[in-house]
Amino acid sequence: MIAIAEEKIEDADDVREVILKAFGQPAEANIVDRLRANCPKTKMLSLVARDGEAVVGHILFSPAGVKGQAGTVVGMGLAPLAVLPERQRQGIGSLLVRRGLKMLKEKGCPFVIVLGHPDYYPRFGFEPASAHGIASQWDGVPDEAFMILIMDASVMKSAAGVARYRDEFDEAM
């Protein structure tokens, strides 16, 4: 049985291992390490999926902003989402995404952005950010891969502009 819980300090090594195995290279794990070092834990949401005592999946949400003419609206960016390769396609990633989005909505988060697979994230309500006049901070990002889930339309009504993840992501892009 898979249990979803907030990451604990002692999970850090297991989380890094899950991310390394899921992505096959260190960029995403290094981003998580830099975020842990630079971003207050209270501003992030980091969840793990456990099968018994073993960490088999991880998701991180960190602050992101949409800067437009009316100022900057702060929400969250989803990245990374990682599940051990041998445990993928078993619904673990979906459990992590759904739990994280539910928790963020309860906290009043106005939006979540993600740069991800266009066949995966729409099932959670994500749609191309461009449909809302929101662009990625990075050049060359495919339109269909940069998505947003608006959770508070009243806040996002006038928030067209450029979406920015934290600076820790720039080194990997």
C-alpha atoms as a PDB file:
ATOM      1  CA  MET A   1       0.000   0.000   0.000  1.00  0.00           C
ATOM      2  CA  ILE A   2       1.379   3.393  -1.002  1.00  0.00           C
ATOM      3  CA  ALA A   3       1.297   6.164   1.589  1.00  0.00           C
ATOM      4  CA  ILE A   4       1.850   9.836   0.705  1.00  0.00           C
ATOM      5  CA  ALA A   5       3.416  12.069   3.362  1.00  0.00           C
ATOM      6  CA  GLU A   6       5.389  15.265   3.671  1.00  0.00           C
ATOM      7  CA  GLU A   7       9.106  14.706   3.225  1.00  0.00           C
ATOM      8  CA  LYS A   8      11.157  14.517   6.430  1.00  0.00           C
ATOM      9  CA  ILE A   9      14.767  15.645   6.782  1.00  0.00           C
ATOM     10  CA  GLU A  10      15.893  12.032   7.025  1.00  0.00           C
ATOM     11  CA  ASP A  11      14.282  11.280   3.623  1.00  0.00           C
ATOM     12  CA  ALA A  12      16.722  13.526   1.715  1.00  0.00           C
ATOM     13  CA  ASP A  13      19.165  10.784   0.643  1.00  0.00           C
ATOM     14  CA  ASP A  14      16.366   8.427  -0.422  1.00  0.00           C
ATOM     15  CA  VAL A  15      14.654  11.238  -2.345  1.00  0.00           C
ATOM     16  CA  ARG A  16      17.896  12.073  -4.157  1.00  0.00           C
ATOM     17  CA  GLU A  17      18.292   8.410  -5.112  1.00  0.00           C
ATOM     18  CA  VAL A  18      14.713   8.233  -6.449  1.00  0.00           C
ATOM     19  CA  ILE A  19      15.271  11.374  -8.546  1.00  0.00           C
ATOM     20  CA  LEU A  20      18.627  10.132  -9.904  1.00  0.00           C
ATOM     21  CA  LYS A  21      17.127   6.782 -10.904  1.00  0.00           C
ATOM     22  CA  ALA A  22      13.989   8.337 -12.406  1.00  0.00           C
ATOM     23  CA  PHE A  23      15.821  10.905 -14.538  1.00  0.00           C
ATOM     24  CA  GLY A  24      19.072   9.030 -15.178  1.00  0.00           C
ATOM     25  CA  GLN A  25      21.159  12.155 -14.600  1.00  0.00           C
ATOM     26  CA  PRO A  26      21.798  14.565 -11.703  1.00  0.00           C
ATOM     27  CA  ALA A  27      20.307  17.894 -12.908  1.00  0.00           C
ATOM     28  CA  GLU A  28      16.911  17.496 -11.221  1.00  0.00           C
ATOM     29  CA  ALA A  29      18.408  16.111  -7.999  1.00  0.00           C
ATOM     30  CA  ASN A  30      20.822  19.047  -7.908  1.00  0.00           C
ATOM     31  CA  ILE A  31      17.923  21.496  -8.296  1.00  0.00           C
ATOM     32  CA  VAL A  32      16.193  19.901  -5.304  1.00  0.00           C
ATOM     33  CA  ASP A  33      19.408  20.142  -3.268  1.00  0.00           C
ATOM     34  CA  ARG A  34      19.809  23.833  -4.162  1.00  0.00           C
ATOM     35  CA  LEU A  35      16.170  24.556  -3.332  1.00  0.00           C
ATOM     36  CA  ARG A  36      16.561  22.867   0.050  1.00  0.00           C
ATOM     37  CA  ALA A  37      19.613  25.056   0.716  1.00  0.00           C
ATOM     38  CA  ASN A  38      18.125  28.357  -0.503  1.00  0.00           C
ATOM     39  CA  CYS A  39      14.336  28.297  -0.159  1.00  0.00           C
ATOM     40  CA  PRO A  40      12.644  28.231   3.245  1.00  0.00           C
ATOM     41  CA  LYS A  41      10.996  24.848   3.788  1.00  0.00           C
ATOM     42  CA  THR A  42       7.775  26.620   4.756  1.00  0.00           C
ATOM     43  CA  LYS A  43       7.512  28.038   1.222  1.00  0.00           C
ATOM     44  CA  MET A  44       7.819  24.633  -0.485  1.00  0.00           C
ATOM     45  CA  LEU A  45       5.727  21.479  -0.489  1.00  0.00           C
ATOM     46  CA  SER A  46       7.751  18.283  -0.734  1.00  0.00           C
ATOM     47  CA  LEU A  47       5.925  14.953  -0.632  1.00  0.00           C
ATOM     48  CA  VAL A  48       7.158  11.377  -0.709  1.00  0.00           C
ATOM     49  CA  ALA A  49       5.422   8.163  -1.679  1.00  0.00           C
ATOM     50  CA  ARG A  50       6.307   5.240   0.572  1.00  0.00           C
ATOM     51  CA  ASP A  51       5.782   1.545   0.111  1.00  0.00           C
ATOM     52  CA  GLY A  52       6.287   0.397   3.675  1.00  0.00           C
ATOM     53  CA  GLU A  53       9.457   2.189   4.755  1.00  0.00           C
ATOM     54  CA  ALA A  54      10.869   2.566   1.234  1.00  0.00           C
ATOM     55  CA  VAL A  55      10.622   5.903  -0.576  1.00  0.00           C
ATOM     56  CA  VAL A  56       9.449   5.077  -4.112  1.00  0.00           C
ATOM     57  CA  GLY A  57       8.379   8.534  -5.337  1.00  0.00           C
ATOM     58  CA  HIS A  58       8.763  12.255  -4.721  1.00  0.00           C
ATOM     59  CA  ILE A  59       7.191  15.525  -5.828  1.00  0.00           C
ATOM     60  CA  LEU A  60       8.307  19.074  -5.119  1.00  0.00           C
ATOM     61  CA  PHE A  61       6.375  22.311  -5.426  1.00  0.00           C
ATOM     62  CA  SER A  62       8.360  25.534  -5.018  1.00  0.00           C
ATOM     63  CA  PRO A  63       7.417  29.206  -5.343  1.00  0.00           C
ATOM     64  CA  ALA A  64       6.885  30.548  -8.861  1.00  0.00           C
ATOM     65  CA  GLY A  65       5.584  33.859 -10.086  1.00  0.00           C
ATOM     66  CA  VAL A  66       3.673  35.234 -13.040  1.00  0.00           C
ATOM     67  CA  LYS A  67       4.849  38.751 -13.758  1.00  0.00           C
ATOM     68  CA  GLY A  68       2.469  40.895 -15.751  1.00  0.00           C
ATOM     69  CA  GLN A  69       1.456  44.529 -16.087  1.00  0.00           C
ATOM     70  CA  ALA A  70      -0.536  44.379 -12.846  1.00  0.00           C
ATOM     71  CA  GLY A  71       2.428  43.052 -10.846  1.00  0.00           C
ATOM     72  CA  THR A  72       3.516  39.568  -9.846  1.00  0.00           C
ATOM     73  CA  VAL A  73       1.181  36.820  -8.666  1.00  0.00           C
ATOM     74  CA  VAL A  74       2.950  34.137  -6.625  1.00  0.00           C
ATOM     75  CA  GLY A  75       1.913  30.518  -6.934  1.00  0.00           C
ATOM     76  CA  MET A  76       3.878  27.297  -7.234  1.00  0.00           C
ATOM     77  CA  GLY A  77       5.933  25.399  -9.778  1.00  0.00           C
ATOM     78  CA  LEU A  78       5.759  21.612  -9.909  1.00  0.00           C
ATOM     79  CA  ALA A  79       9.208  20.125 -10.453  1.00  0.00           C
ATOM     80  CA  PRO A  80      10.419  17.545 -10.232  1.00  0.00           C
ATOM     81  CA  LEU A  81       8.050  14.597 -10.064  1.00  0.00           C
ATOM     82  CA  ALA A  82      10.007  11.359  -9.780  1.00  0.00           C
ATOM     83  CA  VAL A  83       9.066   7.707  -9.306  1.00  0.00           C
ATOM     84  CA  LEU A  84      11.486   4.783  -9.270  1.00  0.00           C
ATOM     85  CA  PRO A  85      11.593   3.315 -12.806  1.00  0.00           C
ATOM     86  CA  GLU A  86      10.439  -0.122 -11.639  1.00  0.00           C
ATOM     87  CA  ARG A  87       7.454   1.480  -9.892  1.00  0.00           C
ATOM     88  CA  GLN A  88       6.318   3.731 -12.740  1.00  0.00           C
ATOM     89  CA  ARG A  89       2.934   3.223 -14.430  1.00  0.00           C
ATOM     90  CA  GLN A  90       1.404   2.066 -11.137  1.00  0.00           C
ATOM     91  CA  GLY A  91      -0.368   5.331 -10.251  1.00  0.00           C
ATOM     92  CA  ILE A  92       2.233   6.550  -7.745  1.00  0.00           C
ATOM     93  CA  GLY A  93       2.975   9.759  -9.655  1.00  0.00           C
ATOM     94  CA  SER A  94      -0.747  10.487  -9.919  1.00  0.00           C
ATOM     95  CA  LEU A  95      -1.167   9.999  -6.165  1.00  0.00           C
ATOM     96  CA  LEU A  96       1.649  12.481  -5.510  1.00  0.00           C
ATOM     97  CA  VAL A  97       0.282  15.070  -7.942  1.00  0.00           C
ATOM     98  CA  ARG A  98      -3.294  14.822  -6.666  1.00  0.00           C
ATOM     99  CA  ARG A  99      -2.289  15.041  -2.997  1.00  0.00           C
ATOM    100  CA  GLY A 100       0.030  17.980  -3.637  1.00  0.00           C
ATOM    101  CA  LEU A 101      -2.558  19.911  -5.637  1.00  0.00           C
ATOM    102  CA  LYS A 102      -5.207  19.278  -2.971  1.00  0.00           C
ATOM    103  CA  MET A 103      -2.902  20.565  -0.229  1.00  0.00           C
ATOM    104  CA  LEU A 104      -1.949  23.654  -2.238  1.00  0.00           C
ATOM    105  CA  LYS A 105      -5.575  24.455  -3.047  1.00  0.00           C
ATOM    106  CA  GLU A 106      -6.451  24.214   0.652  1.00  0.00           C
ATOM    107  CA  LYS A 107      -3.641  26.713   1.375  1.00  0.00           C
ATOM    108  CA  GLY A 108      -5.055  29.170  -1.176  1.00  0.00           C
ATOM    109  CA  CYS A 109      -2.416  28.748  -3.879  1.00  0.00           C
ATOM    110  CA  PRO A 110      -3.705  30.586  -6.990  1.00  0.00           C
ATOM    111  CA  PHE A 111      -1.878  28.518  -9.625  1.00  0.00           C
ATOM    112  CA  VAL A 112       0.636  25.770 -10.332  1.00  0.00           C
ATOM    113  CA  ILE A 113       2.870  25.755 -13.401  1.00  0.00           C
ATOM    114  CA  VAL A 114       4.622  22.726 -14.843  1.00  0.00           C
ATOM    115  CA  LEU A 115       6.972  22.058 -17.716  1.00  0.00           C
ATOM    116  CA  GLY A 116       6.086  18.486 -18.487  1.00  0.00           C
ATOM    117  CA  HIS A 117       4.606  15.860 -20.739  1.00  0.00           C
ATOM    118  CA  PRO A 118       1.484  17.178 -22.503  1.00  0.00           C
ATOM    119  CA  ASP A 119      -0.143  13.725 -22.402  1.00  0.00           C
ATOM    120  CA  TYR A 120       0.264  13.379 -18.625  1.00  0.00           C
ATOM    121  CA  TYR A 121      -0.546  16.619 -16.811  1.00  0.00           C
ATOM    122  CA  PRO A 122      -3.889  17.549 -18.449  1.00  0.00           C
ATOM    123  CA  ARG A 123      -5.562  14.696 -16.517  1.00  0.00           C
ATOM    124  CA  PHE A 124      -5.038  16.838 -13.400  1.00  0.00           C
ATOM    125  CA  GLY A 125      -6.551  19.950 -14.967  1.00  0.00           C
ATOM    126  CA  PHE A 126      -3.398  21.496 -16.427  1.00  0.00           C
ATOM    127  CA  GLU A 127      -3.724  23.280 -19.757  1.00  0.00           C
ATOM    128  CA  PRO A 128      -1.303  25.208 -21.966  1.00  0.00           C
ATOM    129  CA  ALA A 129      -0.302  28.377 -20.117  1.00  0.00           C
ATOM    130  CA  SER A 130      -0.424  30.254 -23.407  1.00  0.00           C
ATOM    131  CA  ALA A 131      -4.230  29.917 -23.344  1.00  0.00           C
ATOM    132  CA  HIS A 132      -4.089  32.387 -20.433  1.00  0.00           C
ATOM    133  CA  GLY A 133      -1.500  34.695 -21.982  1.00  0.00           C
ATOM    134  CA  ILE A 134       1.272  33.224 -19.840  1.00  0.00           C
ATOM    135  CA  ALA A 135       4.679  32.381 -21.315  1.00  0.00           C
ATOM    136  CA  SER A 136       7.658  30.451 -19.982  1.00  0.00           C
ATOM    137  CA  GLN A 137      10.761  32.305 -18.862  1.00  0.00           C
ATOM    138  CA  TRP A 138      12.861  30.028 -21.103  1.00  0.00           C
ATOM    139  CA  ASP A 139      13.134  30.319 -24.871  1.00  0.00           C
ATOM    140  CA  GLY A 140      12.337  27.285 -26.980  1.00  0.00           C
ATOM    141  CA  VAL A 141       9.921  25.622 -24.562  1.00  0.00           C
ATOM    142  CA  PRO A 142       7.203  23.852 -26.588  1.00  0.00           C
ATOM    143  CA  ASP A 143       3.862  25.569 -26.061  1.00  0.00           C
ATOM    144  CA  GLU A 144       2.045  22.326 -25.270  1.00  0.00           C
ATOM    145  CA  ALA A 145       4.630  21.337 -22.618  1.00  0.00           C
ATOM    146  CA  PHE A 146       4.406  24.517 -20.525  1.00  0.00           C
ATOM    147  CA  MET A 147       1.149  24.251 -18.601  1.00  0.00           C
ATOM    148  CA  ILE A 148      -0.765  25.889 -15.785  1.00  0.00           C
ATOM    149  CA  LEU A 149      -3.488  24.815 -13.401  1.00  0.00           C
ATOM    150  CA  ILE A 150      -5.434  27.841 -12.240  1.00  0.00           C
ATOM    151  CA  MET A 151      -6.871  27.264  -8.779  1.00  0.00           C
ATOM    152  CA  ASP A 152      -8.101  30.801  -8.060  1.00  0.00           C
ATOM    153  CA  ALA A 153      -9.443  32.442 -11.212  1.00  0.00           C
ATOM    154  CA  SER A 154     -10.222  35.692  -9.411  1.00  0.00           C
ATOM    155  CA  VAL A 155      -6.538  36.211  -8.610  1.00  0.00           C
ATOM    156  CA  MET A 156      -5.349  35.070 -12.036  1.00  0.00           C
ATOM    157  CA  LYS A 157      -7.808  37.142 -14.076  1.00  0.00           C
ATOM    158  CA  SER A 158      -5.280  39.872 -14.861  1.00  0.00           C
ATOM    159  CA  ALA A 159      -2.108  37.811 -14.520  1.00  0.00           C
ATOM    160  CA  ALA A 160      -0.970  37.461 -18.121  1.00  0.00           C
ATOM    161  CA  GLY A 161       2.784  37.692 -18.557  1.00  0.00           C
ATOM    162  CA  VAL A 162       5.915  35.636 -17.985  1.00  0.00           C
ATOM    163  CA  ALA A 163       5.999  32.774 -15.488  1.00  0.00           C
ATOM    164  CA  ARG A 164       9.225  32.301 -13.551  1.00  0.00           C
ATOM    165  CA  TYR A 165      10.451  29.377 -11.532  1.00  0.00           C
ATOM    166  CA  ARG A 166      13.011  30.106  -8.831  1.00  0.00           C
ATOM    167  CA  ASP A 167      16.554  30.909  -9.977  1.00  0.00           C
ATOM    168  CA  GLU A 168      17.753  27.445  -8.924  1.00  0.00           C
ATOM    169  CA  PHE A 169      16.098  26.060 -12.063  1.00  0.00           C
ATOM    170  CA  ASP A 170      18.014  28.331 -14.451  1.00  0.00           C
ATOM    171  CA  GLU A 171      21.246  26.376 -14.057  1.00  0.00           C
ATOM    172  CA  ALA A 172      19.566  23.210 -15.362  1.00  0.00           C
ATOM    173  CA  MET A 173      17.891  24.774 -18.395  1.00  0.00           C
END
